[in-house]
PDB file of N, CA and C in Angstrom:
ATOM      1  N   MET A   1      -5.680  18.182  -8.201  1.00  0.00           N
ATOM      2  CA  MET A   1      -5.105  19.643  -7.066  1.00  0.00           C
ATOM      3  C   MET A   1      -4.069  20.074  -8.149  1.00  0.00           C
ATOM      4  N   SER A   2      -4.245  21.753  -7.609  1.00  0.00           N
ATOM      5  CA  SER A   2      -3.049  22.300  -8.786  1.00  0.00           C
ATOM      6  C   SER A   2      -1.678  22.274  -7.950  1.00  0.00           C
ATOM      7  N   MET A   3      -0.879  22.201  -8.547  1.00  0.00           N
ATOM      8  CA  MET A   3       0.413  22.319  -8.272  1.00  0.00           C
ATOM      9  C   MET A   3       0.643  23.362  -7.039  1.00  0.00           C
ATOM     10  N   SER A   4       0.215  24.631  -7.063  1.00  0.00           N
ATOM     11  CA  SER A   4       0.237  25.322  -5.874  1.00  0.00           C
ATOM     12  C   SER A   4      -0.398  24.973  -4.320  1.00  0.00           C
ATOM     13  N   ASN A   5      -1.552  23.868  -4.354  1.00  0.00           N
ATOM     14  CA  ASN A   5      -2.088  23.467  -3.779  1.00  0.00           C
ATOM     15  C   ASN A   5      -1.577  22.541  -3.029  1.00  0.00           C
ATOM     16  N   GLU A   6      -0.835  21.845  -3.860  1.00  0.00           N
ATOM     17  CA  GLU A   6       0.232  20.714  -3.454  1.00  0.00           C
ATOM     18  C   GLU A   6       1.534  21.239  -2.654  1.00  0.00           C
ATOM     19  N   VAL A   7       1.893  22.367  -3.361  1.00  0.00           N
ATOM     20  CA  VAL A   7       3.048  22.987  -2.578  1.00  0.00           C
ATOM     21  C   VAL A   7       2.746  23.351  -0.952  1.00  0.00           C
ATOM     22  N   TYR A   8       1.226  24.009  -0.920  1.00  0.00           N
ATOM     23  CA  TYR A   8       1.174  24.383   0.359  1.00  0.00           C
ATOM     24  C   TYR A   8       0.872  22.976   1.177  1.00  0.00           C
ATOM     25  N   THR A   9       0.384  21.630   0.690  1.00  0.00           N
ATOM     26  CA  THR A   9       0.230  20.269   1.155  1.00  0.00           C
ATOM     27  C   THR A   9       1.535  20.148   2.047  1.00  0.00           C
ATOM     28  N   GLU A  10       2.454  20.393   1.084  1.00  0.00           N
ATOM     29  CA  GLU A  10       4.077  20.028   1.714  1.00  0.00           C
ATOM     30  C   GLU A  10       4.375  20.996   2.453  1.00  0.00           C
ATOM     31  N   ILE A  11       4.220  22.381   2.426  1.00  0.00           N
ATOM     32  CA  ILE A  11       4.385  23.213   3.624  1.00  0.00           C
ATOM     33  C   ILE A  11       3.877  22.511   5.080  1.00  0.00           C
ATOM     34  N   GLU A  12       2.595  21.982   4.907  1.00  0.00           N
ATOM     35  CA  GLU A  12       1.753  21.732   6.044  1.00  0.00           C
ATOM     36  C   GLU A  12       2.624  20.759   6.748  1.00  0.00           C
ATOM     37  N   ALA A  13       3.117  19.652   6.029  1.00  0.00           N
ATOM     38  CA  ALA A  13       3.562  18.161   6.396  1.00  0.00           C
ATOM     39  C   ALA A  13       4.606  18.694   6.849  1.00  0.00           C
ATOM     40  N   SER A  14       5.664  19.428   6.433  1.00  0.00           N
ATOM     41  CA  SER A  14       7.041  19.908   6.821  1.00  0.00           C
ATOM     42  C   SER A  14       6.734  20.626   7.962  1.00  0.00           C
ATOM     43  N   ILE A  15       5.640  21.316   8.409  1.00  0.00           N
ATOM     44  CA  ILE A  15       5.257  21.944   9.777  1.00  0.00           C
ATOM     45  C   ILE A  15       5.102  20.911  11.058  1.00  0.00           C
ATOM     46  N   ALA A  16       4.452  19.963  10.299  1.00  0.00           N
ATOM     47  CA  ALA A  16       3.917  18.614  11.169  1.00  0.00           C
ATOM     48  C   ALA A  16       4.889  17.911  11.612  1.00  0.00           C
ATOM     49  N   ARG A  17       5.953  17.797  10.542  1.00  0.00           N
ATOM     50  CA  ARG A  17       7.496  17.174  11.237  1.00  0.00           C
ATOM     51  C   ARG A  17       8.276  17.888  11.782  1.00  0.00           C
ATOM     52  N   ARG A  18       8.256  18.964  12.034  1.00  0.00           N
ATOM     53  CA  ARG A  18       8.904  20.170  12.674  1.00  0.00           C
ATOM     54  C   ARG A  18      10.080  20.467  11.919  1.00  0.00           C
ATOM     55  N   GLU A  19       9.687  20.167  10.689  1.00  0.00           N
ATOM     56  CA  GLU A  19      10.985  20.858   9.761  1.00  0.00           C
ATOM     57  C   GLU A  19      10.756  21.967   9.128  1.00  0.00           C
ATOM     58  N   PRO A  20      12.000  22.867   9.163  1.00  0.00           N
ATOM     59  CA  PRO A  20      11.876  24.112   8.478  1.00  0.00           C
ATOM     60  C   PRO A  20      12.208  23.944   7.253  1.00  0.00           C
ATOM     61  N   ILE A  21      11.559  24.713   6.270  1.00  0.00           N
ATOM     62  CA  ILE A  21      12.016  24.531   4.863  1.00  0.00           C
ATOM     63  C   ILE A  21      11.898  25.972   4.204  1.00  0.00           C
ATOM     64  N   ALA A  22      12.726  25.920   3.349  1.00  0.00           N
ATOM     65  CA  ALA A  22      12.709  27.107   2.261  1.00  0.00           C
ATOM     66  C   ALA A  22      11.955  27.302   1.372  1.00  0.00           C
ATOM     67  N   LEU A  23      10.997  28.423   0.982  1.00  0.00           N
ATOM     68  CA  LEU A  23      10.069  28.556  -0.071  1.00  0.00           C
ATOM     69  C   LEU A  23      10.293  29.431  -0.725  1.00  0.00           C
ATOM     70  N   ALA A  24      10.760  28.866  -2.226  1.00  0.00           N
ATOM     71  CA  ALA A  24      11.018  29.785  -3.007  1.00  0.00           C
ATOM     72  C   ALA A  24      10.374  30.067  -4.191  1.00  0.00           C
ATOM     73  N   THR A  25       9.292  31.929  -4.236  1.00  0.00           N
ATOM     74  CA  THR A  25       8.307  32.081  -4.807  1.00  0.00           C
ATOM     75  C   THR A  25       8.860  32.676  -6.377  1.00  0.00           C
ATOM     76  N   VAL A  26       8.441  33.037  -6.996  1.00  0.00           N
ATOM     77  CA  VAL A  26       8.774  33.748  -8.657  1.00  0.00           C
ATOM     78  C   VAL A  26       8.026  34.961  -7.906  1.00  0.00           C
ATOM     79  N   ALA A  27       8.587  36.312  -7.650  1.00  0.00           N
ATOM     80  CA  ALA A  27       7.850  37.490  -7.209  1.00  0.00           C
ATOM     81  C   ALA A  27       7.617  38.257  -8.759  1.00  0.00           C
ATOM     82  N   GLN A  28       8.733  38.351  -9.650  1.00  0.00           N
ATOM     83  CA  GLN A  28       8.642  39.075 -11.056  1.00  0.00           C
ATOM     84  C   GLN A  28       8.833  38.094 -11.755  1.00  0.00           C
ATOM     85  N   THR A  29       8.432  38.850 -13.090  1.00  0.00           N
ATOM     86  CA  THR A  29       9.134  38.111 -14.403  1.00  0.00           C
ATOM     87  C   THR A  29       9.034  39.010 -15.547  1.00  0.00           C
ATOM     88  N   ARG A  30      10.332  39.099 -15.975  1.00  0.00           N
ATOM     89  CA  ARG A  30      10.128  40.060 -17.880  1.00  0.00           C
ATOM     90  C   ARG A  30      10.533  39.233 -18.760  1.00  0.00           C
ATOM     91  N   GLY A  31       9.663  39.497 -19.929  1.00  0.00           N
ATOM     92  CA  GLY A  31      10.255  38.618 -20.846  1.00  0.00           C
ATOM     93  C   GLY A  31       9.410  37.334 -20.645  1.00  0.00           C
ATOM     94  N   SER A  32      10.177  36.685 -21.455  1.00  0.00           N
ATOM     95  CA  SER A  32       9.602  35.215 -21.342  1.00  0.00           C
ATOM     96  C   SER A  32      10.036  34.224 -20.399  1.00  0.00           C
ATOM     97  N   THR A  33       9.871  33.731 -19.343  1.00  0.00           N
ATOM     98  CA  THR A  33      10.105  32.624 -18.639  1.00  0.00           C
ATOM     99  C   THR A  33       9.235  31.570 -18.580  1.00  0.00           C
ATOM    100  N   PRO A  34      10.153  30.230 -18.291  1.00  0.00           N
ATOM    101  CA  PRO A  34       9.148  29.180 -17.858  1.00  0.00           C
ATOM    102  C   PRO A  34       7.991  28.880 -16.993  1.00  0.00           C
ATOM    103  N   ARG A  35       7.955  29.739 -15.894  1.00  0.00           N
ATOM    104  CA  ARG A  35       7.055  29.699 -14.835  1.00  0.00           C
ATOM    105  C   ARG A  35       6.740  31.339 -14.692  1.00  0.00           C
ATOM    106  N   LYS A  36       5.324  31.879 -14.321  1.00  0.00           N
ATOM    107  CA  LYS A  36       5.158  33.052 -14.287  1.00  0.00           C
ATOM    108  C   LYS A  36       4.911  33.332 -12.644  1.00  0.00           C
ATOM    109  N   ALA A  37       4.853  34.348 -12.340  1.00  0.00           N
ATOM    110  CA  ALA A  37       4.586  34.755 -10.740  1.00  0.00           C
ATOM    111  C   ALA A  37       3.941  34.259 -10.083  1.00  0.00           C
ATOM    112  N   GLY A  38       4.078  33.729  -8.798  1.00  0.00           N
ATOM    113  CA  GLY A  38       3.491  32.871  -7.954  1.00  0.00           C
ATOM    114  C   GLY A  38       3.877  31.343  -8.086  1.00  0.00           C
ATOM    115  N   ALA A  39       4.738  30.958  -8.985  1.00  0.00           N
ATOM    116  CA  ALA A  39       5.426  29.980  -8.673  1.00  0.00           C
ATOM    117  C   ALA A  39       6.139  29.517  -7.680  1.00  0.00           C
ATOM    118  N   LYS A  40       5.821  28.263  -7.175  1.00  0.00           N
ATOM    119  CA  LYS A  40       6.942  27.793  -5.846  1.00  0.00           C
ATOM    120  C   LYS A  40       7.508  26.809  -5.571  1.00  0.00           C
ATOM    121  N   MET A  41       8.645  26.351  -5.135  1.00  0.00           N
ATOM    122  CA  MET A  41       9.441  25.360  -4.877  1.00  0.00           C
ATOM    123  C   MET A  41       9.934  25.506  -3.398  1.00  0.00           C
ATOM    124  N   VAL A  42       9.572  24.081  -2.480  1.00  0.00           N
ATOM    125  CA  VAL A  42       9.810  24.365  -1.498  1.00  0.00           C
ATOM    126  C   VAL A  42      11.237  23.112  -1.389  1.00  0.00           C
ATOM    127  N   VAL A  43      11.893  23.918  -0.802  1.00  0.00           N
ATOM    128  CA  VAL A  43      13.441  23.026  -0.179  1.00  0.00           C
ATOM    129  C   VAL A  43      13.377  22.377   0.769  1.00  0.00           C
ATOM    130  N   ARG A  44      13.734  21.265   1.089  1.00  0.00           N
ATOM    131  CA  ARG A  44      13.900  20.763   2.704  1.00  0.00           C
ATOM    132  C   ARG A  44      15.324  20.672   2.912  1.00  0.00           C
ATOM    133  N   PRO A  45      15.772  20.776   3.924  1.00  0.00           N
ATOM    134  CA  PRO A  45      17.194  20.782   4.565  1.00  0.00           C
ATOM    135  C   PRO A  45      18.075  19.905   4.198  1.00  0.00           C
ATOM    136  N   ASP A  46      17.294  18.623   3.556  1.00  0.00           N
ATOM    137  CA  ASP A  46      18.263  17.362   3.000  1.00  0.00           C
ATOM    138  C   ASP A  46      18.490  17.657   1.546  1.00  0.00           C
ATOM    139  N   GLY A  47      18.248  18.893   1.116  1.00  0.00           N
ATOM    140  CA  GLY A  47      18.334  19.148  -0.139  1.00  0.00           C
ATOM    141  C   GLY A  47      17.243  18.802  -0.892  1.00  0.00           C
ATOM    142  N   SER A  48      16.339  17.890  -0.767  1.00  0.00           N
ATOM    143  CA  SER A  48      15.102  17.712  -1.505  1.00  0.00           C
ATOM    144  C   SER A  48      14.299  18.811  -1.791  1.00  0.00           C
ATOM    145  N   PHE A  49      13.678  18.862  -2.836  1.00  0.00           N
ATOM    146  CA  PHE A  49      13.087  19.570  -3.201  1.00  0.00           C
ATOM    147  C   PHE A  49      11.448  19.250  -3.766  1.00  0.00           C
ATOM    148  N   PHE A  50      10.924  20.230  -3.907  1.00  0.00           N
ATOM    149  CA  PHE A  50       9.031  19.637  -4.400  1.00  0.00           C
ATOM    150  C   PHE A  50       8.756  21.022  -5.053  1.00  0.00           C
ATOM    151  N   GLY A  51       7.761  21.164  -6.117  1.00  0.00           N
ATOM    152  CA  GLY A  51       7.136  22.238  -6.577  1.00  0.00           C
ATOM    153  C   GLY A  51       8.704  22.397  -7.835  1.00  0.00           C
ATOM    154  N   THR A  52       8.237  23.472  -8.543  1.00  0.00           N
ATOM    155  CA  THR A  52       9.084  24.286  -9.492  1.00  0.00           C
ATOM    156  C   THR A  52       8.993  25.542  -9.841  1.00  0.00           C
ATOM    157  N   ILE A  53       9.772  26.094 -10.102  1.00  0.00           N
ATOM    158  CA  ILE A  53      10.190  27.442 -10.288  1.00  0.00           C
ATOM    159  C   ILE A  53      10.641  27.692 -12.222  1.00  0.00           C
ATOM    160  N   GLY A  54      10.785  26.352 -12.351  1.00  0.00           N
ATOM    161  CA  GLY A  54      10.873  26.504 -13.886  1.00  0.00           C
ATOM    162  C   GLY A  54      11.967  25.462 -14.406  1.00  0.00           C
ATOM    163  N   GLY A  55      12.950  25.164 -13.578  1.00  0.00           N
ATOM    164  CA  GLY A  55      13.784  24.237 -14.157  1.00  0.00           C
ATOM    165  C   GLY A  55      15.072  24.495 -14.563  1.00  0.00           C
ATOM    166  N   GLY A  56      15.986  23.625 -15.203  1.00  0.00           N
ATOM    167  CA  GLY A  56      17.621  24.233 -15.482  1.00  0.00           C
ATOM    168  C   GLY A  56      17.970  24.970 -14.294  1.00  0.00           C
ATOM    169  N   CYS A  57      19.442  25.516 -15.005  1.00  0.00           N
ATOM    170  CA  CYS A  57      20.485  26.042 -14.039  1.00  0.00           C
ATOM    171  C   CYS A  57      19.743  27.191 -13.446  1.00  0.00           C
ATOM    172  N   GLY A  58      18.599  28.123 -13.426  1.00  0.00           N
ATOM    173  CA  GLY A  58      17.885  29.032 -12.578  1.00  0.00           C
ATOM    174  C   GLY A  58      17.663  28.353 -11.492  1.00  0.00           C
ATOM    175  N   GLU A  59      16.796  26.792 -11.622  1.00  0.00           N
ATOM    176  CA  GLU A  59      16.224  26.519 -10.715  1.00  0.00           C
ATOM    177  C   GLU A  59      17.461  25.972  -9.933  1.00  0.00           C
ATOM    178  N   ALA A  60      18.749  25.687 -10.234  1.00  0.00           N
ATOM    179  CA  ALA A  60      19.690  24.716  -9.285  1.00  0.00           C
ATOM    180  C   ALA A  60      20.529  26.589  -8.382  1.00  0.00           C
ATOM    181  N   GLU A  61      20.589  27.490  -8.996  1.00  0.00           N
ATOM    182  CA  GLU A  61      20.950  28.486  -8.701  1.00  0.00           C
ATOM    183  C   GLU A  61      20.148  28.838  -7.197  1.00  0.00           C
ATOM    184  N   VAL A  62      18.513  28.654  -7.433  1.00  0.00           N
ATOM    185  CA  VAL A  62      17.869  29.472  -6.598  1.00  0.00           C
ATOM    186  C   VAL A  62      17.747  27.995  -5.721  1.00  0.00           C
ATOM    187  N   TRP A  63      18.083  26.847  -6.000  1.00  0.00           N
ATOM    188  CA  TRP A  63      18.190  25.849  -4.765  1.00  0.00           C
ATOM    189  C   TRP A  63      19.315  25.963  -3.602  1.00  0.00           C
ATOM    190  N   GLN A  64      20.601  26.339  -4.103  1.00  0.00           N
ATOM    191  CA  GLN A  64      21.467  26.961  -3.537  1.00  0.00           C
ATOM    192  C   GLN A  64      21.255  27.967  -3.015  1.00  0.00           C
ATOM    193  N   LYS A  65      20.596  29.092  -3.268  1.00  0.00           N
ATOM    194  CA  LYS A  65      20.583  29.846  -2.367  1.00  0.00           C
ATOM    195  C   LYS A  65      19.518  29.610  -1.157  1.00  0.00           C
ATOM    196  N   ALA A  66      18.868  28.829  -1.275  1.00  0.00           N
ATOM    197  CA  ALA A  66      17.752  28.376  -0.537  1.00  0.00           C
ATOM    198  C   ALA A  66      18.187  27.733   0.868  1.00  0.00           C
ATOM    199  N   MET A  67      19.514  26.618   0.424  1.00  0.00           N
ATOM    200  CA  MET A  67      20.056  25.936   1.121  1.00  0.00           C
ATOM    201  C   MET A  67      20.928  27.235   2.285  1.00  0.00           C
ATOM    202  N   GLU A  68      20.843  28.124   1.326  1.00  0.00           N
ATOM    203  CA  GLU A  68      21.784  29.020   2.163  1.00  0.00           C
ATOM    204  C   GLU A  68      20.660  29.874   3.552  1.00  0.00           C
ATOM    205  N   VAL A  69      19.698  30.173   2.675  1.00  0.00           N
ATOM    206  CA  VAL A  69      18.663  30.239   3.838  1.00  0.00           C
ATOM    207  C   VAL A  69      18.113  30.039   4.837  1.00  0.00           C
ATOM    208  N   LEU A  70      18.320  28.562   4.753  1.00  0.00           N
ATOM    209  CA  LEU A  70      17.808  27.489   5.592  1.00  0.00           C
ATOM    210  C   LEU A  70      18.577  27.746   6.751  1.00  0.00           C
ATOM    211  N   GLU A  71      19.877  27.790   6.465  1.00  0.00           N
ATOM    212  CA  GLU A  71      21.411  28.130   7.041  1.00  0.00           C
ATOM    213  C   GLU A  71      21.390  29.085   7.891  1.00  0.00           C
ATOM    214  N   ASP A  72      20.929  30.168   7.322  1.00  0.00           N
ATOM    215  CA  ASP A  72      21.398  31.250   7.910  1.00  0.00           C
ATOM    216  C   ASP A  72      19.582  32.357   8.515  1.00  0.00           C
ATOM    217  N   GLY A  73      18.856  31.767   7.947  1.00  0.00           N
ATOM    218  CA  GLY A  73      17.057  32.610   8.135  1.00  0.00           C
ATOM    219  C   GLY A  73      17.148  33.371   7.288  1.00  0.00           C
ATOM    220  N   THR A  74      18.136  34.579   6.707  1.00  0.00           N
ATOM    221  CA  THR A  74      17.869  35.530   6.067  1.00  0.00           C
ATOM    222  C   THR A  74      17.017  35.524   4.724  1.00  0.00           C
ATOM    223  N   PRO A  75      15.809  36.186   4.640  1.00  0.00           N
ATOM    224  CA  PRO A  75      15.579  36.047   3.207  1.00  0.00           C
ATOM    225  C   PRO A  75      15.925  36.723   2.380  1.00  0.00           C
ATOM    226  N   THR A  76      15.971  36.138   1.195  1.00  0.00           N
ATOM    227  CA  THR A  76      17.019  36.902  -0.030  1.00  0.00           C
ATOM    228  C   THR A  76      15.709  37.038  -1.183  1.00  0.00           C
ATOM    229  N   ILE A  77      16.484  37.527  -2.483  1.00  0.00           N
ATOM    230  CA  ILE A  77      15.743  38.015  -3.801  1.00  0.00           C
ATOM    231  C   ILE A  77      17.044  37.102  -4.783  1.00  0.00           C
ATOM    232  N   VAL A  78      16.638  36.103  -5.606  1.00  0.00           N
ATOM    233  CA  VAL A  78      17.221  35.940  -6.468  1.00  0.00           C
ATOM    234  C   VAL A  78      17.206  36.255  -7.917  1.00  0.00           C
ATOM    235  N   THR A  79      17.989  36.708  -8.241  1.00  0.00           N
ATOM    236  CA  THR A  79      17.413  37.322  -9.829  1.00  0.00           C
ATOM    237  C   THR A  79      18.038  36.254 -10.990  1.00  0.00           C
ATOM    238  N   VAL A  80      17.032  35.593 -11.419  1.00  0.00           N
ATOM    239  CA  VAL A  80      17.603  34.557 -12.498  1.00  0.00           C
ATOM    240  C   VAL A  80      17.609  35.173 -13.828  1.00  0.00           C
ATOM    241  N   ASP A  81      18.974  35.264 -14.684  1.00  0.00           N
ATOM    242  CA  ASP A  81      18.601  36.137 -15.888  1.00  0.00           C
ATOM    243  C   ASP A  81      18.945  34.808 -17.023  1.00  0.00           C
ATOM    244  N   LEU A  82      17.827  34.733 -17.650  1.00  0.00           N
ATOM    245  CA  LEU A  82      17.260  33.534 -18.897  1.00  0.00           C
ATOM    246  C   LEU A  82      17.548  33.844 -20.120  1.00  0.00           C
ATOM    247  N   THR A  83      18.412  35.124 -19.863  1.00  0.00           N
ATOM    248  CA  THR A  83      18.542  35.550 -21.838  1.00  0.00           C
ATOM    249  C   THR A  83      20.056  35.320 -21.904  1.00  0.00           C
ATOM    250  N   GLU A  84      20.647  34.784 -21.464  1.00  0.00           N
ATOM    251  CA  GLU A  84      22.563  34.248 -21.614  1.00  0.00           C
ATOM    252  C   GLU A  84      21.843  32.327 -21.799  1.00  0.00           C
ATOM    253  N   PRO A  85      22.593  32.457 -23.284  1.00  0.00           N
ATOM    254  CA  PRO A  85      22.508  30.851 -23.259  1.00  0.00           C
ATOM    255  C   PRO A  85      23.281  29.968 -22.342  1.00  0.00           C
ATOM    256  N   VAL A  86      22.687  28.672 -21.957  1.00  0.00           N
ATOM    257  CA  VAL A  86      23.679  27.842 -21.075  1.00  0.00           C
ATOM    258  C   VAL A  86      24.310  26.748 -21.715  1.00  0.00           C
ATOM    259  N   ASP A  87      25.669  26.990 -21.589  1.00  0.00           N
ATOM    260  CA  ASP A  87      26.869  25.563 -21.719  1.00  0.00           C
ATOM    261  C   ASP A  87      26.270  25.768 -23.453  1.00  0.00           C
ATOM    262  N   GLY A  88      26.347  26.213 -23.997  1.00  0.00           N
ATOM    263  CA  GLY A  88      26.192  26.344 -25.524  1.00  0.00           C
ATOM    264  C   GLY A  88      24.624  25.087 -26.072  1.00  0.00           C
ATOM    265  N   GLU A  89      23.798  25.362 -25.062  1.00  0.00           N
ATOM    266  CA  GLU A  89      22.338  24.451 -25.117  1.00  0.00           C
ATOM    267  C   GLU A  89      21.572  25.525 -25.672  1.00  0.00           C
ATOM    268  N   ASP A  90      20.505  25.138 -26.655  1.00  0.00           N
ATOM    269  CA  ASP A  90      19.539  25.997 -27.182  1.00  0.00           C
ATOM    270  C   ASP A  90      18.460  26.393 -26.590  1.00  0.00           C
ATOM    271  N   LYS A  91      18.630  26.504 -24.750  1.00  0.00           N
ATOM    272  CA  LYS A  91      17.567  26.518 -23.825  1.00  0.00           C
ATOM    273  C   LYS A  91      17.158  27.844 -23.745  1.00  0.00           C
ATOM    274  N   ILE A  92      17.152  28.825 -24.838  1.00  0.00           N
ATOM    275  CA  ILE A  92      16.901  30.588 -24.206  1.00  0.00           C
ATOM    276  C   ILE A  92      15.302  30.725 -23.979  1.00  0.00           C
ATOM    277  N   CYS A  93      14.850  31.199 -22.639  1.00  0.00           N
ATOM    278  CA  CYS A  93      13.523  31.551 -22.663  1.00  0.00           C
ATOM    279  C   CYS A  93      13.878  32.868 -22.594  1.00  0.00           C
ATOM    280  N   GLY A  94      14.527  33.691 -22.246  1.00  0.00           N
ATOM    281  CA  GLY A  94      15.026  35.116 -22.903  1.00  0.00           C
ATOM    282  C   GLY A  94      14.236  36.162 -22.153  1.00  0.00           C
ATOM    283  N   GLY A  95      13.975  35.708 -20.760  1.00  0.00           N
ATOM    284  CA  GLY A  95      13.761  36.529 -19.633  1.00  0.00           C
ATOM    285  C   GLY A  95      14.328  36.618 -18.565  1.00  0.00           C
ATOM    286  N   VAL A  96      13.544  37.316 -17.650  1.00  0.00           N
ATOM    287  CA  VAL A  96      14.200  37.263 -16.116  1.00  0.00           C
ATOM    288  C   VAL A  96      13.157  37.096 -15.237  1.00  0.00           C
ATOM    289  N   MET A  97      13.434  36.604 -14.471  1.00  0.00           N
ATOM    290  CA  MET A  97      13.155  36.099 -12.792  1.00  0.00           C
ATOM    291  C   MET A  97      13.366  36.598 -11.821  1.00  0.00           C
ATOM    292  N   GLU A  98      12.588  37.486 -10.849  1.00  0.00           N
ATOM    293  CA  GLU A  98      13.225  37.341  -9.408  1.00  0.00           C
ATOM    294  C   GLU A  98      12.281  36.641  -8.596  1.00  0.00           C
ATOM    295  N   ILE A  99      13.054  35.675  -7.890  1.00  0.00           N
ATOM    296  CA  ILE A  99      12.946  35.045  -7.152  1.00  0.00           C
ATOM    297  C   ILE A  99      12.612  35.196  -5.762  1.00  0.00           C
ATOM    298  N   PHE A 100      11.830  35.531  -4.519  1.00  0.00           N
ATOM    299  CA  PHE A 100      11.972  35.388  -3.187  1.00  0.00           C
ATOM    300  C   PHE A 100      11.988  34.364  -2.542  1.00  0.00           C
ATOM    301  N   VAL A 101      13.221  34.197  -1.538  1.00  0.00           N
ATOM    302  CA  VAL A 101      13.473  32.946  -0.736  1.00  0.00           C
ATOM    303  C   VAL A 101      13.352  33.315   0.585  1.00  0.00           C
ATOM    304  N   GLU A 102      12.470  32.414   1.438  1.00  0.00           N
ATOM    305  CA  GLU A 102      12.337  32.912   2.612  1.00  0.00           C
ATOM    306  C   GLU A 102      12.074  31.320   3.350  1.00  0.00           C
ATOM    307  N   ARG A 103      12.923  31.466   4.489  1.00  0.00           N
ATOM    308  CA  ARG A 103      12.798  30.157   5.724  1.00  0.00           C
ATOM    309  C   ARG A 103      11.020  30.014   6.355  1.00  0.00           C
ATOM    310  N   ILE A 104      10.985  29.460   6.421  1.00  0.00           N
ATOM    311  CA  ILE A 104       9.364  29.119   7.411  1.00  0.00           C
ATOM    312  C   ILE A 104       9.492  27.573   8.283  1.00  0.00           C
ATOM    313  N   ASP A 105       9.409  28.312   9.199  1.00  0.00           N
ATOM    314  CA  ASP A 105       9.750  27.416  10.653  1.00  0.00           C
ATOM    315  C   ASP A 105       8.560  26.600  11.034  1.00  0.00           C
ATOM    316  N   PRO A 106       8.897  26.160  11.817  1.00  0.00           N
ATOM    317  CA  PRO A 106       7.795  25.011  11.815  1.00  0.00           C
ATOM    318  C   PRO A 106       6.945  25.727  13.309  1.00  0.00           C
ATOM    319  N   GLU A 107       7.529  27.043  14.046  1.00  0.00           N
ATOM    320  CA  GLU A 107       6.917  27.221  15.508  1.00  0.00           C
ATOM    321  C   GLU A 107       5.452  28.048  14.973  1.00  0.00           C
TER     322      GLU A 107
END
């Protein structure tokens, strides 16, 4: 089973539990990025998550925004700029990702 299928299974399970989730989807990429458009991550209200949009600081930024979207329900786009070196680490992908974050309610 592919990762995207597992993410959809997780969405269905959340709906069955009557639990809202935030769904982060890579909408657009420019340059070299760890994941391509269509990659998804589910964030649950307890802060746990499933799937990946690429890991690292970009994922933490998206996770933070997903928690806000769970609170207020307003969809948003997060721009993750991977062209800057991170804390002196050598993890430079050199690309930019646009990630669409939306809340999915069980109704």
